[in-house]
Amino acid sequence: MSKNKRTVLILLVIAAAIAIIPLFTLKGAEFGGSDDAGSVMISEIQGEEHEPWFTPIMETLIDGELPGEVESLLFCVQTGIGVGIISFFMGRFVERKKLENN
C-alpha cells in the first residue's frame, strides 16, 4: 500500500471514530444545537428570557416555523453546494499541478 493510500485510510478511520465514539461514550447526553445553547446562556447571563432580533426570512414568508424535513433539506442543499464548490477548485488545483509537471 502506498504512503498516500495509507494516510487517507488512517484519516478516514479517525474521522469515523470522531463521529461514532461520542454516541457510545455519552449515552444519556442530549446533542442540541448551538443556537439553543446560546439562547440559554444569554438568558442565564442577562437574567431574562432571550428574544431574537429578527425572524428568519423563510419563516416570515410562510407565516410559521419551517418543518424539520424542509429545514434538513435546505441544510443538505447548502452542504451540496459547498461541497461542489470545494470539489471544483480542488479539481482545478490537481489538474494545474499535473499540467505543470508535464
N, C-alpha and C. Protein backbone atom coordinates (compact mmCIF):
# COMPACT_ATOMS: atom_id res chain seq x y z
N MET A 1 0.85 -1.18 0.00
CA MET A 1 0.00 0.00 0.00
C MET A 1 0.89 1.24 0.00
N SER A 2 0.56 2.19 -0.86
CA SER A 2 1.38 3.39 -0.94
C SER A 2 1.16 4.28 0.28
N LYS A 3 2.07 5.20 0.45
CA LYS A 3 2.02 6.09 1.62
C LYS A 3 0.76 6.96 1.59
N ASN A 4 0.38 7.45 0.39
CA ASN A 4 -0.81 8.28 0.27
C ASN A 4 -2.08 7.52 0.62
N LYS A 5 -2.19 6.27 0.13
CA LYS A 5 -3.37 5.47 0.43
C LYS A 5 -3.46 5.17 1.92
N ARG A 6 -2.33 4.88 2.53
CA ARG A 6 -2.31 4.60 3.97
C ARG A 6 -2.73 5.84 4.76
N THR A 7 -2.24 7.00 4.36
CA THR A 7 -2.60 8.25 5.04
C THR A 7 -4.10 8.51 4.92
N VAL A 8 -4.65 8.33 3.73
CA VAL A 8 -6.09 8.55 3.52
C VAL A 8 -6.90 7.58 4.35
N LEU A 9 -6.49 6.33 4.38
CA LEU A 9 -7.19 5.32 5.18
C LEU A 9 -7.16 5.66 6.67
N ILE A 10 -6.02 6.08 7.16
CA ILE A 10 -5.91 6.47 8.58
C ILE A 10 -6.80 7.67 8.88
N LEU A 11 -6.82 8.65 8.00
CA LEU A 11 -7.65 9.83 8.22
C LEU A 11 -9.14 9.49 8.18
N LEU A 12 -9.54 8.56 7.30
CA LEU A 12 -10.93 8.14 7.25
C LEU A 12 -11.34 7.41 8.53
N VAL A 13 -10.46 6.59 9.06
CA VAL A 13 -10.74 5.89 10.31
C VAL A 13 -10.87 6.88 11.46
N ILE A 14 -9.99 7.87 11.50
CA ILE A 14 -10.06 8.89 12.56
C ILE A 14 -11.35 9.69 12.45
N ALA A 15 -11.75 10.07 11.23
CA ALA A 15 -12.99 10.83 11.03
C ALA A 15 -14.20 10.01 11.47
N ALA A 16 -14.22 8.73 11.13
CA ALA A 16 -15.32 7.86 11.56
C ALA A 16 -15.35 7.72 13.08
N ALA A 17 -14.18 7.59 13.69
CA ALA A 17 -14.11 7.47 15.15
C ALA A 17 -14.62 8.73 15.83
N ILE A 18 -14.29 9.90 15.28
CA ILE A 18 -14.76 11.16 15.86
C ILE A 18 -16.28 11.24 15.81
N ALA A 19 -16.88 10.68 14.77
CA ALA A 19 -18.34 10.73 14.63
C ALA A 19 -19.04 9.67 15.47
N ILE A 20 -18.43 8.49 15.63
CA ILE A 20 -19.11 7.37 16.27
C ILE A 20 -18.85 7.27 17.77
N ILE A 21 -17.65 7.54 18.23
CA ILE A 21 -17.29 7.35 19.65
C ILE A 21 -18.19 8.15 20.60
N PRO A 22 -18.52 9.42 20.32
CA PRO A 22 -19.39 10.14 21.26
C PRO A 22 -20.76 9.51 21.43
N LEU A 23 -21.27 8.84 20.40
CA LEU A 23 -22.58 8.22 20.52
C LEU A 23 -22.59 7.10 21.56
N PHE A 24 -21.47 6.41 21.71
CA PHE A 24 -21.40 5.31 22.67
C PHE A 24 -20.88 5.74 24.03
N THR A 25 -20.01 6.73 24.08
CA THR A 25 -19.44 7.15 25.36
C THR A 25 -20.36 8.10 26.13
N LEU A 26 -21.18 8.85 25.45
CA LEU A 26 -22.09 9.80 26.10
C LEU A 26 -23.52 9.32 25.95
N LYS A 27 -23.86 8.22 26.59
CA LYS A 27 -25.15 7.56 26.34
C LYS A 27 -26.36 8.39 26.71
N GLY A 28 -26.41 9.15 27.72
CA GLY A 28 -27.62 9.89 28.07
C GLY A 28 -27.60 11.34 27.62
N ALA A 29 -26.59 11.73 26.87
CA ALA A 29 -26.40 13.13 26.53
C ALA A 29 -27.39 13.60 25.47
N GLU A 30 -27.72 14.86 25.55
CA GLU A 30 -28.55 15.49 24.52
C GLU A 30 -27.62 16.25 23.59
N PHE A 31 -27.74 15.97 22.31
CA PHE A 31 -26.92 16.64 21.32
C PHE A 31 -27.74 17.77 20.70
N GLY A 32 -27.79 18.90 21.38
CA GLY A 32 -28.55 20.04 20.90
C GLY A 32 -27.72 20.94 20.03
N GLY A 33 -28.39 21.89 19.40
CA GLY A 33 -27.70 22.81 18.52
C GLY A 33 -27.08 23.97 19.27
N SER A 34 -26.21 24.68 18.59
CA SER A 34 -25.54 25.82 19.21
C SER A 34 -26.49 26.99 19.41
N ASP A 35 -27.53 27.09 18.57
CA ASP A 35 -28.50 28.17 18.74
C ASP A 35 -29.22 28.05 20.07
N ASP A 36 -29.64 26.83 20.39
CA ASP A 36 -30.34 26.61 21.66
C ASP A 36 -29.42 26.87 22.84
N ALA A 37 -28.19 26.38 22.76
CA ALA A 37 -27.23 26.58 23.85
C ALA A 37 -26.91 28.06 24.03
N GLY A 38 -26.79 28.78 22.95
CA GLY A 38 -26.51 30.22 23.02
C GLY A 38 -27.65 30.98 23.67
N SER A 39 -28.88 30.63 23.29
CA SER A 39 -30.05 31.30 23.89
C SER A 39 -30.13 31.05 25.39
N VAL A 40 -29.82 29.83 25.80
CA VAL A 40 -29.85 29.50 27.23
C VAL A 40 -28.79 30.30 27.98
N MET A 41 -27.59 30.38 27.43
CA MET A 41 -26.51 31.12 28.09
C MET A 41 -26.83 32.61 28.19
N ILE A 42 -27.39 33.18 27.13
CA ILE A 42 -27.76 34.60 27.17
C ILE A 42 -28.82 34.84 28.24
N SER A 43 -29.79 33.94 28.32
CA SER A 43 -30.83 34.07 29.34
C SER A 43 -30.25 34.00 30.74
N GLU A 44 -29.28 33.10 30.95
CA GLU A 44 -28.66 32.99 32.27
C GLU A 44 -27.86 34.23 32.62
N ILE A 45 -27.14 34.78 31.65
CA ILE A 45 -26.30 35.95 31.92
C ILE A 45 -27.15 37.19 32.16
N GLN A 46 -28.16 37.42 31.32
CA GLN A 46 -28.98 38.63 31.44
C GLN A 46 -30.05 38.51 32.51
N GLY A 47 -30.41 37.30 32.90
CA GLY A 47 -31.44 37.12 33.91
C GLY A 47 -32.84 37.26 33.36
N GLU A 48 -33.00 37.35 32.08
CA GLU A 48 -34.32 37.43 31.46
C GLU A 48 -34.30 36.59 30.19
N GLU A 49 -35.49 36.29 29.69
CA GLU A 49 -35.57 35.42 28.51
C GLU A 49 -35.02 36.13 27.28
N HIS A 50 -34.26 35.38 26.51
CA HIS A 50 -33.66 35.93 25.28
C HIS A 50 -34.70 36.01 24.18
N GLU A 51 -34.78 37.17 23.54
CA GLU A 51 -35.68 37.33 22.40
C GLU A 51 -34.85 37.64 21.16
N PRO A 52 -34.99 36.83 20.10
CA PRO A 52 -34.19 37.06 18.88
C PRO A 52 -34.46 38.44 18.28
N TRP A 53 -33.45 38.96 17.58
CA TRP A 53 -33.56 40.28 16.97
C TRP A 53 -34.47 40.27 15.75
N PHE A 54 -34.49 39.16 15.03
CA PHE A 54 -35.31 39.08 13.82
C PHE A 54 -35.78 37.65 13.63
N THR A 55 -36.75 37.47 12.76
CA THR A 55 -37.19 36.12 12.42
C THR A 55 -36.61 35.75 11.06
N PRO A 56 -36.31 34.47 10.87
CA PRO A 56 -35.76 34.05 9.58
C PRO A 56 -36.70 34.37 8.42
N ILE A 57 -36.13 34.63 7.27
CA ILE A 57 -36.89 35.05 6.09
C ILE A 57 -37.91 34.00 5.69
N MET A 58 -37.51 32.73 5.66
CA MET A 58 -38.43 31.67 5.25
C MET A 58 -39.62 31.56 6.21
N GLU A 59 -39.37 31.73 7.50
CA GLU A 59 -40.46 31.67 8.46
C GLU A 59 -41.40 32.84 8.30
N THR A 60 -40.89 33.98 7.90
CA THR A 60 -41.74 35.14 7.65
C THR A 60 -42.60 34.92 6.41
N LEU A 61 -42.02 34.31 5.37
CA LEU A 61 -42.76 34.07 4.13
C LEU A 61 -43.90 33.08 4.30
N ILE A 62 -43.72 32.06 5.12
CA ILE A 62 -44.77 31.04 5.27
C ILE A 62 -45.61 31.28 6.53
N ASP A 63 -45.35 32.34 7.24
CA ASP A 63 -46.09 32.69 8.46
C ASP A 63 -46.10 31.55 9.48
N GLY A 64 -44.94 31.00 9.74
CA GLY A 64 -44.83 29.93 10.73
C GLY A 64 -43.43 29.34 10.70
N GLU A 65 -43.25 28.33 11.52
CA GLU A 65 -41.94 27.69 11.60
C GLU A 65 -41.80 26.64 10.50
N LEU A 66 -40.58 26.53 9.96
CA LEU A 66 -40.31 25.54 8.93
C LEU A 66 -40.40 24.13 9.51
N PRO A 67 -41.02 23.20 8.79
CA PRO A 67 -40.99 21.81 9.26
C PRO A 67 -39.56 21.29 9.28
N GLY A 68 -39.30 20.33 10.15
CA GLY A 68 -37.95 19.79 10.29
C GLY A 68 -37.41 19.19 9.01
N GLU A 69 -38.30 18.56 8.22
CA GLU A 69 -37.86 17.95 6.97
C GLU A 69 -37.38 19.00 5.96
N VAL A 70 -38.10 20.10 5.89
CA VAL A 70 -37.72 21.17 4.96
C VAL A 70 -36.42 21.82 5.41
N GLU A 71 -36.29 22.01 6.71
CA GLU A 71 -35.07 22.58 7.25
C GLU A 71 -33.87 21.68 6.95
N SER A 72 -34.05 20.38 7.12
CA SER A 72 -32.98 19.43 6.80
C SER A 72 -32.66 19.45 5.31
N LEU A 73 -33.69 19.54 4.47
CA LEU A 73 -33.49 19.60 3.02
C LEU A 73 -32.67 20.83 2.65
N LEU A 74 -33.02 21.98 3.19
CA LEU A 74 -32.27 23.20 2.88
C LEU A 74 -30.82 23.11 3.35
N PHE A 75 -30.62 22.50 4.51
CA PHE A 75 -29.27 22.31 5.02
C PHE A 75 -28.47 21.40 4.10
N CYS A 76 -29.10 20.32 3.63
CA CYS A 76 -28.42 19.39 2.71
C CYS A 76 -28.10 20.04 1.37
N VAL A 77 -29.01 20.86 0.86
CA VAL A 77 -28.75 21.58 -0.39
C VAL A 77 -27.57 22.54 -0.20
N GLN A 78 -27.55 23.24 0.91
CA GLN A 78 -26.45 24.15 1.20
C GLN A 78 -25.13 23.38 1.29
N THR A 79 -25.16 22.23 1.93
CA THR A 79 -23.96 21.40 2.04
C THR A 79 -23.51 20.92 0.67
N GLY A 80 -24.46 20.49 -0.16
CA GLY A 80 -24.13 20.03 -1.51
C GLY A 80 -23.49 21.12 -2.35
N ILE A 81 -24.00 22.32 -2.25
CA ILE A 81 -23.42 23.45 -3.00
C ILE A 81 -22.00 23.71 -2.52
N GLY A 82 -21.80 23.70 -1.21
CA GLY A 82 -20.46 23.93 -0.67
C GLY A 82 -19.48 22.86 -1.10
N VAL A 83 -19.90 21.60 -1.05
CA VAL A 83 -19.03 20.51 -1.47
C VAL A 83 -18.72 20.62 -2.95
N GLY A 84 -19.71 21.00 -3.75
CA GLY A 84 -19.48 21.17 -5.18
C GLY A 84 -18.44 22.24 -5.47
N ILE A 85 -18.52 23.35 -4.77
CA ILE A 85 -17.56 24.44 -4.98
C ILE A 85 -16.16 24.01 -4.56
N ILE A 86 -16.06 23.38 -3.39
CA ILE A 86 -14.75 22.92 -2.91
C ILE A 86 -14.16 21.88 -3.87
N SER A 87 -14.99 20.94 -4.33
CA SER A 87 -14.52 19.91 -5.25
C SER A 87 -14.05 20.50 -6.57
N PHE A 88 -14.78 21.50 -7.07
CA PHE A 88 -14.40 22.15 -8.31
C PHE A 88 -13.01 22.75 -8.21
N PHE A 89 -12.77 23.51 -7.14
CA PHE A 89 -11.47 24.16 -7.00
C PHE A 89 -10.35 23.16 -6.71
N MET A 90 -10.65 22.12 -5.94
CA MET A 90 -9.63 21.11 -5.70
C MET A 90 -9.27 20.40 -7.00
N GLY A 91 -10.27 20.11 -7.84
CA GLY A 91 -10.01 19.51 -9.14
C GLY A 91 -9.16 20.40 -10.02
N ARG A 92 -9.44 21.68 -9.98
CA ARG A 92 -8.64 22.62 -10.79
C ARG A 92 -7.20 22.66 -10.32
N PHE A 93 -7.00 22.64 -9.00
CA PHE A 93 -5.63 22.66 -8.48
C PHE A 93 -4.87 21.39 -8.85
N VAL A 94 -5.56 20.25 -8.80
CA VAL A 94 -4.91 18.98 -9.17
C VAL A 94 -4.54 19.00 -10.63
N GLU A 95 -5.45 19.43 -11.48
CA GLU A 95 -5.18 19.46 -12.92
C GLU A 95 -4.06 20.46 -13.23
N ARG A 96 -4.05 21.58 -12.56
CA ARG A 96 -2.99 22.57 -12.78
C ARG A 96 -1.63 21.98 -12.42
N LYS A 97 -1.60 21.25 -11.31
CA LYS A 97 -0.34 20.63 -10.88
C LYS A 97 0.11 19.57 -11.89
N LYS A 98 -0.83 18.79 -12.43
CA LYS A 98 -0.49 17.79 -13.44
C LYS A 98 0.07 18.44 -14.70
N LEU A 99 -0.54 19.56 -15.11
CA LEU A 99 -0.06 20.24 -16.31
C LEU A 99 1.32 20.86 -16.10
N GLU A 100 1.59 21.36 -14.88
CA GLU A 100 2.89 21.94 -14.59
C GLU A 100 3.98 20.88 -14.57
N ASN A 101 3.66 19.66 -14.14
CA ASN A 101 4.64 18.60 -14.07
C ASN A 101 4.98 18.02 -15.44
N ASN A 102 4.12 18.20 -16.43
CA ASN A 102 4.38 17.65 -17.77
C ASN A 102 5.24 18.53 -18.59
